[in-house]
Amino acid sequence: MSAADLKAEDFELAWRGAKADVRMSLAEMALYNQAIVNEDEISAKRRTQLARYFTEFCENDDYHRRLNDKQFKNQGKFKDGLGGKATIWAFKAWQWRVYGAIMNINWATMLCWGEG
C-alpha cells in the first residue's frame, strides 16, 4: 500500500487537535488503551503524560520546541517497505513508548503504533 492509498479513517483516533491527529491501527489502539486504562499508579502516569504530550503535538505547529527529547524524540530513519525511508518518532511515557511516523493524510496526522 502506498502512502497515497492511506486514509485517516482507516486508523483509530487516539487524540484530535487543531493542527493534527494521533491515529493508531486497531491492534495498536488496543495496546494503548490497555497501557492507560487501569487505575494503578503506572497507568495513571502514562495516561497523564501521554495526554499532555498528545495535546502539545496536536495543538501546536511548534511541538518540536514545546516537547523535549524525554517526551517526544526522533528515533531515526527506517525503511518504509515502499522503497523509501520514514522518520520514526516516539512519545515517551512511564515505561512505555508510542512509535510512529508523521504523515499528511487529509491534513496533518500522526500514525502511531505502540510498544510496551
C-alpha atoms as a PDB file:
ATOM      1  CA  MET A   1       0.000   0.000   0.000  1.00  0.00           C
ATOM      2  CA  SER A   2       1.442   3.371  -0.960  1.00  0.00           C
ATOM      3  CA  ALA A   3       1.249   6.474   1.207  1.00  0.00           C
ATOM      4  CA  ALA A   4      -1.233   7.863  -1.340  1.00  0.00           C
ATOM      5  CA  ASP A   5      -3.570   4.933  -0.548  1.00  0.00           C
ATOM      6  CA  LEU A   6      -3.692   5.664   3.194  1.00  0.00           C
ATOM      7  CA  LYS A   7      -6.832   7.266   4.600  1.00  0.00           C
ATOM      8  CA  ALA A   8      -7.090   8.783   8.054  1.00  0.00           C
ATOM      9  CA  GLU A   9     -10.360   6.936   8.623  1.00  0.00           C
ATOM     10  CA  ASP A  10      -8.505   3.613   8.209  1.00  0.00           C
ATOM     11  CA  PHE A  11      -6.960   4.266  11.647  1.00  0.00           C
ATOM     12  CA  GLU A  12      -8.442   4.692  15.113  1.00  0.00           C
ATOM     13  CA  LEU A  13      -8.464   8.229  16.501  1.00  0.00           C
ATOM     14  CA  ALA A  14      -6.492   8.410  19.758  1.00  0.00           C
ATOM     15  CA  TRP A  15      -6.293  12.212  20.029  1.00  0.00           C
ATOM     16  CA  ARG A  16      -7.668  15.104  17.980  1.00  0.00           C
ATOM     17  CA  GLY A  17      -6.305  18.628  17.798  1.00  0.00           C
ATOM     18  CA  ALA A  18      -6.469  21.797  15.745  1.00  0.00           C
ATOM     19  CA  LYS A  19      -3.236  21.024  13.864  1.00  0.00           C
ATOM     20  CA  ALA A  20      -3.006  17.217  13.844  1.00  0.00           C
ATOM     21  CA  ASP A  21      -4.470  13.913  14.968  1.00  0.00           C
ATOM     22  CA  VAL A  22      -2.826  10.950  16.632  1.00  0.00           C
ATOM     23  CA  ARG A  23      -4.158   7.794  14.978  1.00  0.00           C
ATOM     24  CA  MET A  24      -3.351   4.123  15.509  1.00  0.00           C
ATOM     25  CA  SER A  25      -4.163   0.806  13.921  1.00  0.00           C
ATOM     26  CA  LEU A  26      -6.939  -1.115  15.656  1.00  0.00           C
ATOM     27  CA  ALA A  27      -4.454  -3.556  17.226  1.00  0.00           C
ATOM     28  CA  GLU A  28      -2.168  -0.802  18.474  1.00  0.00           C
ATOM     29  CA  MET A  29      -5.094   1.217  19.806  1.00  0.00           C
ATOM     30  CA  ALA A  30      -5.976  -1.815  21.946  1.00  0.00           C
ATOM     31  CA  LEU A  31      -2.396  -1.904  23.318  1.00  0.00           C
ATOM     32  CA  TYR A  32      -2.501   1.841  24.005  1.00  0.00           C
ATOM     33  CA  ASN A  33      -5.831   1.553  25.842  1.00  0.00           C
ATOM     34  CA  GLN A  34      -4.521  -1.404  27.845  1.00  0.00           C
ATOM     35  CA  ALA A  35      -1.488   0.673  28.910  1.00  0.00           C
ATOM     36  CA  ILE A  36      -3.572   3.582  30.228  1.00  0.00           C
ATOM     37  CA  VAL A  37      -6.943   2.143  31.305  1.00  0.00           C
ATOM     38  CA  ASN A  38      -6.201   0.858  34.806  1.00  0.00           C
ATOM     39  CA  GLU A  39      -6.323   2.985  37.948  1.00  0.00           C
ATOM     40  CA  ASP A  40      -2.891   1.898  39.229  1.00  0.00           C
ATOM     41  CA  GLU A  41      -0.118   4.471  39.619  1.00  0.00           C
ATOM     42  CA  ILE A  42       1.782   3.483  36.435  1.00  0.00           C
ATOM     43  CA  SER A  43      -1.322   3.621  34.213  1.00  0.00           C
ATOM     44  CA  ALA A  44      -2.258   6.984  35.713  1.00  0.00           C
ATOM     45  CA  LYS A  45       1.240   8.373  34.982  1.00  0.00           C
ATOM     46  CA  ARG A  46       1.107   7.120  31.394  1.00  0.00           C
ATOM     47  CA  ARG A  47      -2.391   8.481  30.857  1.00  0.00           C
ATOM     48  CA  THR A  48      -1.484  11.917  32.241  1.00  0.00           C
ATOM     49  CA  GLN A  49       1.845  12.181  30.400  1.00  0.00           C
ATOM     50  CA  LEU A  50       0.528  10.988  27.033  1.00  0.00           C
ATOM     51  CA  ALA A  51      -2.499  13.284  27.255  1.00  0.00           C
ATOM     52  CA  ARG A  52      -0.184  16.242  27.843  1.00  0.00           C
ATOM     53  CA  TYR A  53       2.217  15.237  25.033  1.00  0.00           C
ATOM     54  CA  PHE A  54      -0.544  14.424  22.529  1.00  0.00           C
ATOM     55  CA  THR A  55      -2.183  17.796  23.258  1.00  0.00           C
ATOM     56  CA  GLU A  56       1.082  19.678  22.650  1.00  0.00           C
ATOM     57  CA  PHE A  57       1.657  17.765  19.402  1.00  0.00           C
ATOM     58  CA  CYS A  58      -1.900  18.117  18.106  1.00  0.00           C
ATOM     59  CA  GLU A  59      -2.474  21.763  19.022  1.00  0.00           C
ATOM     60  CA  ASN A  60       0.829  23.410  18.084  1.00  0.00           C
ATOM     61  CA  ASP A  61       2.888  23.796  14.918  1.00  0.00           C
ATOM     62  CA  ASP A  62       5.983  24.236  17.091  1.00  0.00           C
ATOM     63  CA  TYR A  63       5.518  20.979  19.038  1.00  0.00           C
ATOM     64  CA  HIS A  64       9.216  20.172  18.466  1.00  0.00           C
ATOM     65  CA  ARG A  65      10.082  23.192  20.635  1.00  0.00           C
ATOM     66  CA  ARG A  66       7.393  22.502  23.201  1.00  0.00           C
ATOM     67  CA  LEU A  67       8.276  18.837  23.785  1.00  0.00           C
ATOM     68  CA  ASN A  68      11.803  17.844  24.826  1.00  0.00           C
ATOM     69  CA  ASP A  69      13.634  14.593  23.967  1.00  0.00           C
ATOM     70  CA  LYS A  70      12.358  12.955  27.148  1.00  0.00           C
ATOM     71  CA  GLN A  71       8.793  13.468  25.910  1.00  0.00           C
ATOM     72  CA  PHE A  72       8.955  13.196  22.094  1.00  0.00           C
ATOM     73  CA  LYS A  73      12.091  12.004  20.327  1.00  0.00           C
ATOM     74  CA  ASN A  74      13.299  11.361  16.786  1.00  0.00           C
ATOM     75  CA  GLN A  75      14.342   7.691  16.652  1.00  0.00           C
ATOM     76  CA  GLY A  76      15.937   7.878  13.194  1.00  0.00           C
ATOM     77  CA  LYS A  77      15.048   6.846   9.643  1.00  0.00           C
ATOM     78  CA  PHE A  78      13.946   3.321   8.816  1.00  0.00           C
ATOM     79  CA  LYS A  79      12.869   1.531   5.632  1.00  0.00           C
ATOM     80  CA  ASP A  80       9.186   2.082   4.959  1.00  0.00           C
ATOM     81  CA  GLY A  81       8.581  -1.002   2.819  1.00  0.00           C
ATOM     82  CA  LEU A  82       7.860   1.180  -0.212  1.00  0.00           C
ATOM     83  CA  GLY A  83      11.459   1.734  -1.273  1.00  0.00           C
ATOM     84  CA  GLY A  84      11.958   4.831   0.835  1.00  0.00           C
ATOM     85  CA  LYS A  85      12.645   5.736   4.426  1.00  0.00           C
ATOM     86  CA  ALA A  86      10.392   7.129   7.124  1.00  0.00           C
ATOM     87  CA  THR A  87      11.437   9.128  10.149  1.00  0.00           C
ATOM     88  CA  ILE A  88      10.185   7.389  13.276  1.00  0.00           C
ATOM     89  CA  TRP A  89       9.256   9.382  16.378  1.00  0.00           C
ATOM     90  CA  ALA A  90       8.448   8.220  19.895  1.00  0.00           C
ATOM     91  CA  PHE A  91       6.184   9.680  22.529  1.00  0.00           C
ATOM     92  CA  LYS A  92       7.788   8.552  25.783  1.00  0.00           C
ATOM     93  CA  ALA A  93       5.680   7.852  28.852  1.00  0.00           C
ATOM     94  CA  TRP A  94       6.397   5.970  32.062  1.00  0.00           C
ATOM     95  CA  GLN A  95       7.992   2.650  30.973  1.00  0.00           C
ATOM     96  CA  TRP A  96       6.083   2.740  27.670  1.00  0.00           C
ATOM     97  CA  ARG A  97       6.531   4.213  24.195  1.00  0.00           C
ATOM     98  CA  VAL A  98       4.261   5.100  21.289  1.00  0.00           C
ATOM     99  CA  TYR A  99       6.159   4.968  17.998  1.00  0.00           C
ATOM    100  CA  GLY A 100       5.005   6.444  14.720  1.00  0.00           C
ATOM    101  CA  ALA A 101       5.650   8.489  11.624  1.00  0.00           C
ATOM    102  CA  ILE A 102       4.332  11.960  10.872  1.00  0.00           C
ATOM    103  CA  MET A 103       2.345  11.853   7.651  1.00  0.00           C
ATOM    104  CA  ASN A 104      -0.033  14.192   5.863  1.00  0.00           C
ATOM    105  CA  ILE A 105      -3.258  12.326   5.243  1.00  0.00           C
ATOM    106  CA  ASN A 106      -6.209  14.604   4.543  1.00  0.00           C
ATOM    107  CA  TRP A 107      -4.445  17.006   6.932  1.00  0.00           C
ATOM    108  CA  ALA A 108      -1.556  16.689   9.397  1.00  0.00           C
ATOM    109  CA  THR A 109      -1.919  13.313  11.082  1.00  0.00           C
ATOM    110  CA  MET A 110       0.468  11.148  13.078  1.00  0.00           C
ATOM    111  CA  LEU A 111       0.035   7.437  12.588  1.00  0.00           C
ATOM    112  CA  CYS A 112       1.291   5.538  15.588  1.00  0.00           C
ATOM    113  CA  TRP A 113       1.852   2.069  16.814  1.00  0.00           C
ATOM    114  CA  GLY A 114       2.599   1.247  20.416  1.00  0.00           C
ATOM    115  CA  GLU A 115       5.113  -0.855  22.224  1.00  0.00           C
ATOM    116  CA  GLY A 116       5.198  -1.637  25.907  1.00  0.00           C
END
